[in-house]
Amino acid sequence: MSGVRFRREGRAGHLVLDRPEALNALTHAMVRAVDAKLAAWEHDPGIATVVLTGAGERGLCAGGDIRAIHDAARAGDATAATAFWRDEYRLDARIARYPKPYVAVMDGIVMGGGVGLSAHGSVRIVTERSRIAMPETGIGFVPDVGGTYLLALAPGELGTYLALTGTPVGAADALLCGLADHYVPSASLGAL
């Protein structure tokens, strides 16, 4: 199991991150599976839009599975981390230039790699439950997965503040900072 479920509903292709026990943290297998499916759907005339959601009640995605990367590095496998980051950056670049509407439902926690999977999309939806952050600064990283680019677009010095502190923002601040486009109450997501 890759940790991602795919389904078609009408002309929509659904990507569901499916590791709720780990708050849908991204593994390398998940990154590769999503990238392969997006590549296939890009040329599929039966798919008109792509919708990204996360399984479980807690959020879309807590980011990359740092524990797996750390464990591989401690075991002497530096290539695992390099391959993960390379493939994740390529996936985020694919999302940023995706030729079909890519709708990211950012309900609940969306951090690090979850921001990469969602904030580069063409339609980004937040709810009252959204908590969006780039917390990797707390372990000495810069905001990755294109986070420095996204935060540089925020008005004034809001992006700088978020980049330096990793402070989570809610729906209104995500909209203000340009990390999201639309607000939908979480109770209305099913109807949406």
N, C-alpha and C. Protein backbone atom coordinates (compact mmCIF):
# COMPACT_ATOMS: atom_id res chain seq x y z
N MET A 1 0.84 -1.19 0.00
CA MET A 1 0.00 0.00 0.00
C MET A 1 0.88 1.24 0.00
N SER A 2 0.57 2.20 -0.87
CA SER A 2 1.41 3.39 -1.01
C SER A 2 1.07 4.50 -0.03
N GLY A 3 -0.06 4.42 0.67
CA GLY A 3 -0.48 5.50 1.55
C GLY A 3 -1.31 6.55 0.84
N VAL A 4 -1.69 6.27 -0.40
CA VAL A 4 -2.53 7.17 -1.19
C VAL A 4 -3.60 6.34 -1.87
N ARG A 5 -4.84 6.86 -1.84
CA ARG A 5 -5.93 6.22 -2.58
C ARG A 5 -6.28 7.13 -3.76
N PHE A 6 -6.62 6.50 -4.85
CA PHE A 6 -7.02 7.24 -6.05
C PHE A 6 -8.39 6.75 -6.46
N ARG A 7 -9.23 7.68 -6.91
CA ARG A 7 -10.53 7.28 -7.44
C ARG A 7 -11.01 8.34 -8.43
N ARG A 8 -11.93 7.90 -9.27
CA ARG A 8 -12.59 8.81 -10.21
C ARG A 8 -14.02 8.99 -9.75
N GLU A 9 -14.49 10.20 -9.84
CA GLU A 9 -15.89 10.51 -9.55
C GLU A 9 -16.32 11.50 -10.61
N GLY A 10 -17.10 11.03 -11.57
CA GLY A 10 -17.43 11.87 -12.72
C GLY A 10 -16.16 12.15 -13.49
N ARG A 11 -15.89 13.42 -13.73
CA ARG A 11 -14.66 13.81 -14.44
C ARG A 11 -13.58 14.31 -13.50
N ALA A 12 -13.76 14.04 -12.19
CA ALA A 12 -12.76 14.44 -11.20
C ALA A 12 -11.92 13.24 -10.78
N GLY A 13 -10.62 13.46 -10.72
CA GLY A 13 -9.71 12.47 -10.17
C GLY A 13 -9.42 12.86 -8.73
N HIS A 14 -9.60 11.93 -7.81
CA HIS A 14 -9.40 12.22 -6.39
C HIS A 14 -8.11 11.56 -5.89
N LEU A 15 -7.27 12.37 -5.26
CA LEU A 15 -6.07 11.91 -4.56
C LEU A 15 -6.38 12.01 -3.08
N VAL A 16 -6.34 10.90 -2.36
CA VAL A 16 -6.61 10.93 -0.92
C VAL A 16 -5.38 10.41 -0.20
N LEU A 17 -4.71 11.30 0.52
CA LEU A 17 -3.58 10.87 1.35
C LEU A 17 -4.15 10.00 2.45
N ASP A 18 -3.62 8.79 2.61
CA ASP A 18 -4.27 7.80 3.47
C ASP A 18 -3.31 7.16 4.48
N ARG A 19 -2.80 8.00 5.36
CA ARG A 19 -2.01 7.54 6.50
C ARG A 19 -2.49 8.32 7.73
N PRO A 20 -3.77 8.21 8.07
CA PRO A 20 -4.29 9.06 9.15
C PRO A 20 -3.59 8.85 10.48
N GLU A 21 -3.05 7.64 10.72
CA GLU A 21 -2.35 7.39 11.97
C GLU A 21 -1.07 8.22 12.09
N ALA A 22 -0.55 8.70 10.94
CA ALA A 22 0.65 9.54 10.91
C ALA A 22 0.30 10.93 10.39
N LEU A 23 -0.95 11.33 10.53
CA LEU A 23 -1.47 12.59 10.01
C LEU A 23 -1.10 12.76 8.54
N ASN A 24 -1.18 11.64 7.80
CA ASN A 24 -0.95 11.61 6.36
C ASN A 24 0.43 12.11 5.96
N ALA A 25 1.42 11.93 6.85
CA ALA A 25 2.79 12.33 6.54
C ALA A 25 3.26 11.61 5.27
N LEU A 26 3.97 12.35 4.43
CA LEU A 26 4.39 11.84 3.13
C LEU A 26 5.60 10.93 3.22
N THR A 27 5.46 9.76 2.63
CA THR A 27 6.60 8.88 2.45
C THR A 27 7.08 9.02 1.01
N HIS A 28 8.24 8.48 0.74
CA HIS A 28 8.76 8.54 -0.62
C HIS A 28 7.83 7.79 -1.58
N ALA A 29 7.29 6.66 -1.13
CA ALA A 29 6.36 5.89 -1.98
C ALA A 29 5.11 6.71 -2.30
N MET A 30 4.62 7.49 -1.34
CA MET A 30 3.45 8.34 -1.59
C MET A 30 3.77 9.41 -2.63
N VAL A 31 4.92 10.05 -2.49
CA VAL A 31 5.32 11.09 -3.43
C VAL A 31 5.39 10.52 -4.84
N ARG A 32 6.01 9.36 -4.99
CA ARG A 32 6.13 8.74 -6.32
C ARG A 32 4.76 8.34 -6.87
N ALA A 33 3.88 7.83 -6.00
CA ALA A 33 2.55 7.40 -6.46
C ALA A 33 1.72 8.59 -6.92
N VAL A 34 1.73 9.68 -6.17
CA VAL A 34 0.98 10.88 -6.56
C VAL A 34 1.53 11.43 -7.86
N ASP A 35 2.84 11.50 -7.99
CA ASP A 35 3.45 12.03 -9.20
C ASP A 35 3.06 11.19 -10.42
N ALA A 36 3.11 9.88 -10.29
CA ALA A 36 2.75 9.00 -11.40
C ALA A 36 1.29 9.17 -11.79
N LYS A 37 0.41 9.29 -10.80
CA LYS A 37 -1.02 9.44 -11.10
C LYS A 37 -1.29 10.80 -11.75
N LEU A 38 -0.66 11.86 -11.26
CA LEU A 38 -0.84 13.17 -11.89
C LEU A 38 -0.35 13.16 -13.32
N ALA A 39 0.76 12.49 -13.57
CA ALA A 39 1.28 12.39 -14.95
C ALA A 39 0.27 11.68 -15.85
N ALA A 40 -0.32 10.60 -15.35
CA ALA A 40 -1.31 9.86 -16.15
C ALA A 40 -2.57 10.69 -16.36
N TRP A 41 -3.07 11.33 -15.32
CA TRP A 41 -4.30 12.11 -15.43
C TRP A 41 -4.12 13.36 -16.28
N GLU A 42 -2.91 13.87 -16.36
CA GLU A 42 -2.65 15.07 -17.17
C GLU A 42 -3.06 14.84 -18.63
N HIS A 43 -2.89 13.63 -19.11
CA HIS A 43 -3.17 13.31 -20.51
C HIS A 43 -4.45 12.49 -20.69
N ASP A 44 -5.22 12.36 -19.62
CA ASP A 44 -6.45 11.57 -19.66
C ASP A 44 -7.63 12.51 -19.92
N PRO A 45 -8.27 12.43 -21.09
CA PRO A 45 -9.39 13.33 -21.38
C PRO A 45 -10.60 13.10 -20.48
N GLY A 46 -10.66 11.99 -19.79
CA GLY A 46 -11.76 11.70 -18.87
C GLY A 46 -11.62 12.40 -17.53
N ILE A 47 -10.45 12.98 -17.27
CA ILE A 47 -10.21 13.71 -16.03
C ILE A 47 -10.13 15.20 -16.36
N ALA A 48 -11.05 15.98 -15.78
CA ALA A 48 -11.08 17.42 -16.03
C ALA A 48 -10.49 18.22 -14.88
N THR A 49 -10.47 17.63 -13.67
CA THR A 49 -9.92 18.31 -12.50
C THR A 49 -9.40 17.26 -11.53
N VAL A 50 -8.50 17.68 -10.66
CA VAL A 50 -7.94 16.81 -9.64
C VAL A 50 -8.25 17.43 -8.28
N VAL A 51 -8.65 16.58 -7.32
CA VAL A 51 -8.99 17.05 -5.98
C VAL A 51 -8.11 16.30 -4.96
N LEU A 52 -7.41 17.04 -4.13
CA LEU A 52 -6.55 16.49 -3.09
C LEU A 52 -7.21 16.65 -1.72
N THR A 53 -7.33 15.54 -0.99
CA THR A 53 -7.83 15.56 0.39
C THR A 53 -6.99 14.61 1.23
N GLY A 54 -7.22 14.64 2.53
CA GLY A 54 -6.53 13.74 3.44
C GLY A 54 -7.51 12.89 4.21
N ALA A 55 -7.14 11.64 4.46
CA ALA A 55 -7.98 10.73 5.24
C ALA A 55 -7.90 11.10 6.71
N GLY A 56 -8.96 10.78 7.44
CA GLY A 56 -8.98 11.05 8.88
C GLY A 56 -9.53 12.43 9.19
N GLU A 57 -9.62 12.71 10.45
CA GLU A 57 -10.24 13.96 10.91
C GLU A 57 -9.24 15.06 11.26
N ARG A 58 -7.96 14.72 11.31
CA ARG A 58 -7.00 15.68 11.86
C ARG A 58 -6.41 16.66 10.86
N GLY A 59 -6.33 16.26 9.59
CA GLY A 59 -5.76 17.21 8.64
C GLY A 59 -5.40 16.60 7.32
N LEU A 60 -4.96 17.46 6.42
CA LEU A 60 -4.54 17.04 5.09
C LEU A 60 -3.21 16.29 5.14
N CYS A 61 -2.19 16.94 5.74
CA CYS A 61 -0.86 16.33 5.72
C CYS A 61 0.07 17.07 6.69
N ALA A 62 0.75 16.30 7.54
CA ALA A 62 1.68 16.88 8.51
C ALA A 62 3.05 17.16 7.90
N GLY A 63 3.24 16.86 6.62
CA GLY A 63 4.52 17.10 5.98
C GLY A 63 5.21 15.81 5.61
N GLY A 64 6.50 15.90 5.36
CA GLY A 64 7.28 14.71 5.02
C GLY A 64 7.47 13.83 6.25
N ASP A 65 7.61 12.55 6.01
CA ASP A 65 7.85 11.60 7.10
C ASP A 65 9.31 11.72 7.52
N ILE A 66 9.57 12.73 8.35
CA ILE A 66 10.93 13.04 8.78
C ILE A 66 11.54 11.87 9.55
N ARG A 67 10.72 11.14 10.28
CA ARG A 67 11.24 10.00 11.04
C ARG A 67 11.87 8.97 10.10
N ALA A 68 11.22 8.67 8.99
CA ALA A 68 11.77 7.69 8.04
C ALA A 68 13.07 8.21 7.44
N ILE A 69 13.12 9.50 7.12
CA ILE A 69 14.33 10.09 6.56
C ILE A 69 15.46 10.05 7.59
N HIS A 70 15.13 10.39 8.84
CA HIS A 70 16.11 10.36 9.92
C HIS A 70 16.64 8.95 10.15
N ASP A 71 15.75 7.98 10.17
CA ASP A 71 16.15 6.58 10.39
C ASP A 71 17.06 6.09 9.27
N ALA A 72 16.74 6.46 8.03
CA ALA A 72 17.58 6.05 6.91
C ALA A 72 18.96 6.69 7.01
N ALA A 73 19.01 7.96 7.39
CA ALA A 73 20.30 8.66 7.53
C ALA A 73 21.13 8.03 8.65
N ARG A 74 20.48 7.70 9.77
CA ARG A 74 21.22 7.06 10.87
C ARG A 74 21.74 5.69 10.48
N ALA A 75 21.04 5.03 9.57
CA ALA A 75 21.48 3.72 9.09
C ALA A 75 22.55 3.84 8.01
N GLY A 76 22.95 5.09 7.70
CA GLY A 76 24.01 5.31 6.73
C GLY A 76 23.53 5.47 5.30
N ASP A 77 22.23 5.62 5.09
CA ASP A 77 21.69 5.74 3.74
C ASP A 77 21.33 7.20 3.45
N ALA A 78 22.32 7.98 3.05
CA ALA A 78 22.08 9.39 2.72
C ALA A 78 21.35 9.53 1.39
N THR A 79 21.40 8.52 0.55
CA THR A 79 20.74 8.61 -0.75
C THR A 79 19.22 8.61 -0.61
N ALA A 80 18.70 8.00 0.45
CA ALA A 80 17.24 7.96 0.63
C ALA A 80 16.68 9.36 0.80
N ALA A 81 17.33 10.17 1.63
CA ALA A 81 16.86 11.54 1.85
C ALA A 81 16.98 12.36 0.58
N THR A 82 18.09 12.22 -0.11
CA THR A 82 18.30 12.97 -1.36
C THR A 82 17.23 12.61 -2.39
N ALA A 83 16.96 11.33 -2.53
CA ALA A 83 15.94 10.90 -3.49
C ALA A 83 14.55 11.40 -3.10
N PHE A 84 14.23 11.36 -1.80
CA PHE A 84 12.93 11.84 -1.33
C PHE A 84 12.76 13.31 -1.67
N TRP A 85 13.74 14.15 -1.31
CA TRP A 85 13.61 15.60 -1.54
C TRP A 85 13.56 15.89 -3.03
N ARG A 86 14.39 15.21 -3.82
CA ARG A 86 14.38 15.44 -5.27
C ARG A 86 12.99 15.16 -5.84
N ASP A 87 12.45 14.00 -5.48
CA ASP A 87 11.14 13.63 -6.03
C ASP A 87 10.02 14.51 -5.50
N GLU A 88 10.11 14.94 -4.25
CA GLU A 88 9.08 15.81 -3.70
C GLU A 88 9.11 17.18 -4.39
N TYR A 89 10.29 17.73 -4.62
CA TYR A 89 10.38 19.01 -5.32
C TYR A 89 9.85 18.89 -6.75
N ARG A 90 10.15 17.79 -7.42
CA ARG A 90 9.63 17.58 -8.77
C ARG A 90 8.10 17.50 -8.77
N LEU A 91 7.56 16.81 -7.78
CA LEU A 91 6.09 16.71 -7.66
C LEU A 91 5.48 18.09 -7.45
N ASP A 92 6.06 18.88 -6.55
CA ASP A 92 5.51 20.22 -6.29
C ASP A 92 5.61 21.10 -7.53
N ALA A 93 6.68 20.96 -8.30
CA ALA A 93 6.80 21.71 -9.56
C ALA A 93 5.73 21.26 -10.55
N ARG A 94 5.43 19.96 -10.60
CA ARG A 94 4.37 19.45 -11.47
C ARG A 94 3.03 20.08 -11.06
N ILE A 95 2.77 20.12 -9.76
CA ILE A 95 1.51 20.68 -9.26
C ILE A 95 1.41 22.16 -9.63
N ALA A 96 2.50 22.90 -9.49
CA ALA A 96 2.49 24.34 -9.79
C ALA A 96 2.18 24.63 -11.25
N ARG A 97 2.56 23.74 -12.14
CA ARG A 97 2.32 23.97 -13.57
C ARG A 97 1.26 23.05 -14.15
N TYR A 98 0.49 22.39 -13.30
CA TYR A 98 -0.48 21.40 -13.76
C TYR A 98 -1.50 22.07 -14.70
N PRO A 99 -1.76 21.48 -15.86
CA PRO A 99 -2.62 22.13 -16.85
C PRO A 99 -4.12 22.03 -16.58
N LYS A 100 -4.51 21.25 -15.60
CA LYS A 100 -5.92 21.11 -15.24
C LYS A 100 -6.12 21.69 -13.85
N PRO A 101 -7.33 22.09 -13.52
CA PRO A 101 -7.56 22.59 -12.15
C PRO A 101 -7.14 21.53 -11.12
N TYR A 102 -6.36 21.98 -10.15
CA TYR A 102 -5.87 21.13 -9.07
C TYR A 102 -6.40 21.74 -7.78
N VAL A 103 -7.38 21.08 -7.19
CA VAL A 103 -8.09 21.61 -6.02
C VAL A 103 -7.55 20.93 -4.76
N ALA A 104 -6.96 21.73 -3.89
CA ALA A 104 -6.43 21.21 -2.63
C ALA A 104 -7.35 21.63 -1.49
N VAL A 105 -7.89 20.66 -0.78
CA VAL A 105 -8.77 20.93 0.36
C VAL A 105 -7.90 20.87 1.62
N MET A 106 -7.56 22.05 2.13
CA MET A 106 -6.61 22.19 3.24
C MET A 106 -7.34 22.24 4.58
N ASP A 107 -8.08 21.19 4.87
CA ASP A 107 -8.87 21.11 6.09
C ASP A 107 -8.01 20.50 7.21
N GLY A 108 -7.90 21.19 8.32
CA GLY A 108 -7.11 20.69 9.44
C GLY A 108 -5.64 21.07 9.29
N ILE A 109 -4.76 20.21 9.79
CA ILE A 109 -3.33 20.49 9.79
C ILE A 109 -2.75 20.30 8.40
N VAL A 110 -2.00 21.32 7.96
CA VAL A 110 -1.30 21.29 6.68
C VAL A 110 0.08 21.89 6.94
N MET A 111 1.10 21.04 6.96
CA MET A 111 2.44 21.52 7.31
C MET A 111 3.48 21.00 6.34
N GLY A 112 4.55 21.76 6.19
CA GLY A 112 5.71 21.32 5.40
C GLY A 112 5.31 20.79 4.04
N GLY A 113 5.57 19.49 3.83
CA GLY A 113 5.26 18.86 2.55
C GLY A 113 3.79 18.94 2.18
N GLY A 114 2.91 19.03 3.17
CA GLY A 114 1.49 19.22 2.89
C GLY A 114 1.23 20.58 2.25
N VAL A 115 2.00 21.59 2.67
CA VAL A 115 1.91 22.91 2.04
C VAL A 115 2.38 22.80 0.59
N GLY A 116 3.45 22.05 0.36
CA GLY A 116 3.94 21.86 -1.00
C GLY A 116 2.92 21.21 -1.90
N LEU A 117 2.22 20.20 -1.38
CA LEU A 117 1.20 19.50 -2.18
C LEU A 117 -0.04 20.34 -2.43
N SER A 118 -0.28 21.33 -1.59
CA SER A 118 -1.52 22.08 -1.71
C SER A 118 -1.33 23.53 -2.17
N ALA A 119 -0.43 24.27 -1.58
CA ALA A 119 -0.33 25.70 -1.85
C ALA A 119 0.19 26.02 -3.24
N HIS A 120 0.78 25.05 -3.94
CA HIS A 120 1.20 25.27 -5.33
C HIS A 120 0.06 25.00 -6.30
N GLY A 121 -1.07 24.49 -5.82
CA GLY A 121 -2.21 24.16 -6.66
C GLY A 121 -2.93 25.40 -7.17
N SER A 122 -3.81 25.19 -8.13
CA SER A 122 -4.52 26.32 -8.74
C SER A 122 -5.75 26.75 -7.96
N VAL A 123 -6.33 25.86 -7.14
CA VAL A 123 -7.49 26.18 -6.30
C VAL A 123 -7.21 25.63 -4.91
N ARG A 124 -7.06 26.53 -3.92
CA ARG A 124 -6.68 26.13 -2.57
C ARG A 124 -7.77 26.55 -1.60
N ILE A 125 -8.36 25.54 -0.95
CA ILE A 125 -9.52 25.77 -0.08
C ILE A 125 -9.11 25.56 1.37
N VAL A 126 -9.48 26.51 2.23
CA VAL A 126 -9.26 26.38 3.67
C VAL A 126 -10.59 26.37 4.39
N THR A 127 -10.56 25.89 5.63
CA THR A 127 -11.74 25.84 6.49
C THR A 127 -11.39 26.48 7.83
N GLU A 128 -12.37 26.55 8.70
CA GLU A 128 -12.11 27.08 10.05
C GLU A 128 -11.17 26.18 10.84
N ARG A 129 -10.97 24.96 10.37
CA ARG A 129 -10.08 24.01 11.05
C ARG A 129 -8.64 24.07 10.52
N SER A 130 -8.39 24.83 9.47
CA SER A 130 -7.06 24.85 8.84
C SER A 130 -6.01 25.43 9.77
N ARG A 131 -4.87 24.76 9.81
CA ARG A 131 -3.69 25.22 10.54
C ARG A 131 -2.51 24.94 9.61
N ILE A 132 -2.01 26.01 8.99
CA ILE A 132 -1.00 25.89 7.94
C ILE A 132 0.32 26.45 8.45
N ALA A 133 1.39 25.66 8.28
CA ALA A 133 2.69 26.10 8.79
C ALA A 133 3.82 25.41 8.05
N MET A 134 4.99 26.02 8.17
CA MET A 134 6.24 25.45 7.68
C MET A 134 7.15 25.24 8.90
N PRO A 135 6.85 24.24 9.72
CA PRO A 135 7.56 24.08 11.00
C PRO A 135 8.98 23.55 10.90
N GLU A 136 9.44 23.26 9.69
CA GLU A 136 10.78 22.72 9.54
C GLU A 136 11.86 23.67 10.02
N THR A 137 11.50 24.97 10.17
CA THR A 137 12.48 25.92 10.71
C THR A 137 12.86 25.54 12.14
N GLY A 138 11.97 24.85 12.84
CA GLY A 138 12.23 24.42 14.21
C GLY A 138 13.31 23.35 14.32
N ILE A 139 13.62 22.67 13.20
CA ILE A 139 14.69 21.67 13.22
C ILE A 139 15.86 22.12 12.35
N GLY A 140 15.90 23.42 12.06
CA GLY A 140 17.06 23.97 11.37
C GLY A 140 16.97 24.02 9.85
N PHE A 141 15.84 23.68 9.27
CA PHE A 141 15.68 23.76 7.82
C PHE A 141 15.08 25.10 7.45
N VAL A 142 15.26 25.50 6.19
CA VAL A 142 14.52 26.64 5.66
C VAL A 142 13.18 26.10 5.17
N PRO A 143 12.18 26.95 5.02
CA PRO A 143 10.91 26.45 4.46
C PRO A 143 11.17 25.81 3.10
N ASP A 144 10.89 24.53 3.01
CA ASP A 144 11.22 23.80 1.80
C ASP A 144 10.00 23.62 0.92
N VAL A 145 10.07 22.70 -0.03
CA VAL A 145 9.03 22.40 -1.01
C VAL A 145 8.43 23.66 -1.64
N GLY A 146 9.30 24.61 -1.92
CA GLY A 146 8.85 25.85 -2.54
C GLY A 146 8.27 26.85 -1.56
N GLY A 147 8.39 26.56 -0.27
CA GLY A 147 7.84 27.46 0.75
C GLY A 147 8.46 28.84 0.73
N THR A 148 9.75 28.93 0.45
CA THR A 148 10.37 30.25 0.41
C THR A 148 9.78 31.08 -0.72
N TYR A 149 9.47 30.44 -1.84
CA TYR A 149 8.83 31.15 -2.95
C TYR A 149 7.44 31.62 -2.55
N LEU A 150 6.64 30.71 -1.99
CA LEU A 150 5.27 31.05 -1.60
C LEU A 150 5.24 32.15 -0.56
N LEU A 151 6.10 32.05 0.45
CA LEU A 151 6.10 33.04 1.52
C LEU A 151 6.62 34.39 1.05
N ALA A 152 7.49 34.40 0.04
CA ALA A 152 7.99 35.67 -0.51
C ALA A 152 6.88 36.47 -1.17
N LEU A 153 5.79 35.79 -1.56
CA LEU A 153 4.67 36.48 -2.20
C LEU A 153 3.71 37.11 -1.20
N ALA A 154 3.85 36.79 0.07
CA ALA A 154 2.95 37.33 1.10
C ALA A 154 3.20 38.83 1.25
N PRO A 155 2.15 39.59 1.61
CA PRO A 155 2.32 41.04 1.73
C PRO A 155 3.23 41.42 2.90
N GLY A 156 3.89 42.55 2.72
CA GLY A 156 4.76 43.07 3.78
C GLY A 156 5.80 42.05 4.18
N GLU A 157 5.98 41.89 5.48
CA GLU A 157 6.96 40.94 6.01
C GLU A 157 6.29 39.71 6.62
N LEU A 158 5.02 39.47 6.27
CA LEU A 158 4.32 38.30 6.82
C LEU A 158 5.02 37.00 6.45
N GLY A 159 5.47 36.89 5.21
CA GLY A 159 6.17 35.69 4.77
C GLY A 159 7.46 35.49 5.53
N THR A 160 8.19 36.57 5.76
CA THR A 160 9.44 36.48 6.52
C THR A 160 9.15 35.98 7.93
N TYR A 161 8.13 36.54 8.55
CA TYR A 161 7.75 36.12 9.90
C TYR A 161 7.40 34.63 9.93
N LEU A 162 6.57 34.20 9.00
CA LEU A 162 6.17 32.80 8.98
C LEU A 162 7.36 31.89 8.68
N ALA A 163 8.26 32.34 7.81
CA ALA A 163 9.44 31.53 7.47
C ALA A 163 10.37 31.38 8.67
N LEU A 164 10.52 32.43 9.44
CA LEU A 164 11.45 32.39 10.57
C LEU A 164 10.88 31.69 11.79
N THR A 165 9.57 31.75 11.97
CA THR A 165 8.98 31.22 13.20
C THR A 165 8.29 29.87 13.03
N GLY A 166 7.83 29.57 11.83
CA GLY A 166 7.06 28.34 11.63
C GLY A 166 5.69 28.40 12.28
N THR A 167 5.24 29.59 12.65
CA THR A 167 3.95 29.78 13.30
C THR A 167 2.81 29.32 12.40
N PRO A 168 1.89 28.49 12.93
CA PRO A 168 0.74 28.08 12.12
C PRO A 168 -0.25 29.23 11.95
N VAL A 169 -0.86 29.30 10.77
CA VAL A 169 -1.88 30.31 10.52
C VAL A 169 -3.20 29.61 10.21
N GLY A 170 -4.29 30.30 10.52
CA GLY A 170 -5.62 29.80 10.23
C GLY A 170 -6.07 30.24 8.85
N ALA A 171 -7.34 30.04 8.58
CA ALA A 171 -7.91 30.31 7.26
C ALA A 171 -7.74 31.76 6.82
N ALA A 172 -8.10 32.71 7.68
CA ALA A 172 -8.05 34.12 7.28
C ALA A 172 -6.63 34.55 6.95
N ASP A 173 -5.67 34.15 7.78
CA ASP A 173 -4.28 34.52 7.52
C ASP A 173 -3.74 33.81 6.29
N ALA A 174 -4.15 32.56 6.05
CA ALA A 174 -3.72 31.84 4.85
C ALA A 174 -4.22 32.56 3.60
N LEU A 175 -5.45 33.05 3.64
CA LEU A 175 -5.99 33.81 2.52
C LEU A 175 -5.22 35.12 2.33
N LEU A 176 -4.94 35.82 3.44
CA LEU A 176 -4.21 37.08 3.39
C LEU A 176 -2.80 36.88 2.83
N CYS A 177 -2.15 35.80 3.23
CA CYS A 177 -0.76 35.54 2.81
C CYS A 177 -0.65 34.93 1.42
N GLY A 178 -1.77 34.59 0.81
CA GLY A 178 -1.73 34.02 -0.53
C GLY A 178 -1.46 32.52 -0.55
N LEU A 179 -1.64 31.85 0.58
CA LEU A 179 -1.46 30.40 0.64
C LEU A 179 -2.76 29.66 0.31
N ALA A 180 -3.87 30.40 0.23
CA ALA A 180 -5.18 29.81 -0.06
C ALA A 180 -5.99 30.82 -0.86
N ASP A 181 -7.03 30.30 -1.53
CA ASP A 181 -7.88 31.14 -2.38
C ASP A 181 -9.31 31.28 -1.89
N HIS A 182 -9.84 30.23 -1.24
CA HIS A 182 -11.25 30.20 -0.88
C HIS A 182 -11.44 29.62 0.52
N TYR A 183 -12.47 30.11 1.19
CA TYR A 183 -12.87 29.58 2.48
C TYR A 183 -14.19 28.84 2.32
N VAL A 184 -14.25 27.63 2.85
CA VAL A 184 -15.48 26.84 2.88
C VAL A 184 -15.60 26.25 4.28
N PRO A 185 -16.74 26.41 4.96
CA PRO A 185 -16.89 25.78 6.28
C PRO A 185 -16.70 24.27 6.16
N SER A 186 -16.03 23.67 7.13
CA SER A 186 -15.74 22.24 7.05
C SER A 186 -17.02 21.40 6.95
N ALA A 187 -18.11 21.86 7.55
CA ALA A 187 -19.37 21.14 7.47
C ALA A 187 -19.92 21.08 6.04
N SER A 188 -19.45 21.99 5.18
CA SER A 188 -19.94 22.05 3.80
C SER A 188 -19.03 21.33 2.80
N LEU A 189 -17.95 20.75 3.26
CA LEU A 189 -17.00 20.11 2.33
C LEU A 189 -17.64 18.94 1.57
N GLY A 190 -18.47 18.17 2.23
CA GLY A 190 -19.12 17.05 1.56
C GLY A 190 -19.95 17.52 0.38
N ALA A 191 -20.72 18.57 0.58
CA ALA A 191 -21.54 19.12 -0.50
C ALA A 191 -20.67 19.70 -1.61
N LEU A 192 -19.59 20.31 -1.24
CA LEU A 192 -18.67 20.87 -2.22
C LEU A 192 -18.12 19.78 -3.12
